[in-house]
Amino acid sequence: MLAKEGVDSKDVIVRPLTDSGWRIELPRPDGLFVVVVVDQPEALWLAKRIRPEAEIRLMPSDREPI
């Protein structure tokens, strides 16, 4: 999912879930680490805390048509 969107493996992706909440996607050597939180500010804050050196990318839901 990350590569086809043109996202670097060092980036952290934050995207809304279709029902409610926000998803934080962190690529790791052994796969994708995912955290779900309640709202966007919390997602952005946590993404920066988990990986401070990364660029945080705010993306649309992966279930919405483009």
Protein backbone atom coordinates (compact mmCIF):
# COMPACT_ATOMS: atom_id res chain seq x y z
CA MET A 1 0.00 0.00 0.00
CA LEU A 2 2.71 2.48 0.87
CA ALA A 3 4.84 2.05 -2.25
CA LYS A 4 2.01 2.50 -4.74
CA GLU A 5 1.14 5.83 -3.15
CA GLY A 6 4.69 7.07 -3.60
CA VAL A 7 5.50 7.14 0.09
CA ASP A 8 9.05 6.65 1.30
CA SER A 9 9.66 3.74 3.68
CA LYS A 10 10.81 6.22 6.33
CA ASP A 11 7.54 8.15 6.25
CA VAL A 12 4.70 7.65 8.68
CA ILE A 13 1.20 7.58 7.22
CA VAL A 14 -1.81 8.96 9.07
CA ARG A 15 -5.22 8.34 7.53
CA PRO A 16 -8.85 8.32 8.67
CA LEU A 17 -10.72 5.08 9.11
CA THR A 18 -14.02 4.76 7.28
CA ASP A 19 -16.14 4.25 10.41
CA SER A 20 -14.33 6.30 13.04
CA GLY A 21 -10.84 6.86 14.33
CA TRP A 22 -7.47 7.38 12.69
CA ARG A 23 -4.85 4.88 11.59
CA ILE A 24 -1.10 5.40 11.96
CA GLU A 25 1.01 3.22 9.64
CA LEU A 26 4.70 2.78 10.43
CA PRO A 27 6.76 0.70 8.01
CA ARG A 28 9.25 -1.64 9.70
CA PRO A 29 11.68 -4.22 8.35
CA ASP A 30 9.40 -7.04 9.49
CA GLY A 31 6.19 -5.49 8.14
CA LEU A 32 3.75 -2.69 8.76
CA PHE A 33 3.08 -1.58 12.34
CA VAL A 34 -0.40 -0.08 12.73
CA VAL A 35 -1.87 1.94 15.59
CA VAL A 36 -5.48 3.15 15.75
CA VAL A 37 -6.43 6.23 17.76
CA VAL A 38 -9.57 8.29 18.30
CA ASP A 39 -8.90 11.58 16.50
CA GLN A 40 -6.59 13.32 14.05
CA PRO A 41 -4.67 15.51 16.54
CA GLU A 42 -3.87 12.46 18.65
CA ALA A 43 -2.78 10.53 15.56
CA LEU A 44 -0.43 13.30 14.42
CA TRP A 45 0.99 13.77 17.91
CA LEU A 46 1.58 10.05 18.42
CA ALA A 47 3.10 9.57 14.97
CA LYS A 48 5.65 12.29 15.70
CA ARG A 49 6.39 10.85 19.15
CA ILE A 50 6.90 7.33 17.80
CA ARG A 51 9.19 8.37 14.94
CA PRO A 52 10.38 11.98 15.42
CA GLU A 53 12.71 11.96 12.41
CA ALA A 54 10.03 10.83 9.96
CA GLU A 55 7.92 12.91 7.65
CA ILE A 56 4.27 12.55 8.64
CA ARG A 57 2.05 12.07 5.60
CA LEU A 58 -1.67 12.74 5.94
CA MET A 59 -3.43 10.53 3.39
CA PRO A 60 -7.06 9.83 2.51
CA SER A 61 -8.76 6.70 3.75
CA ASP A 62 -7.58 3.63 1.86
CA ARG A 63 -11.22 2.66 1.30
CA GLU A 64 -12.36 5.90 -0.35
CA PRO A 65 -12.38 6.16 -4.14
CA ILE A 66 -9.85 8.61 -5.54
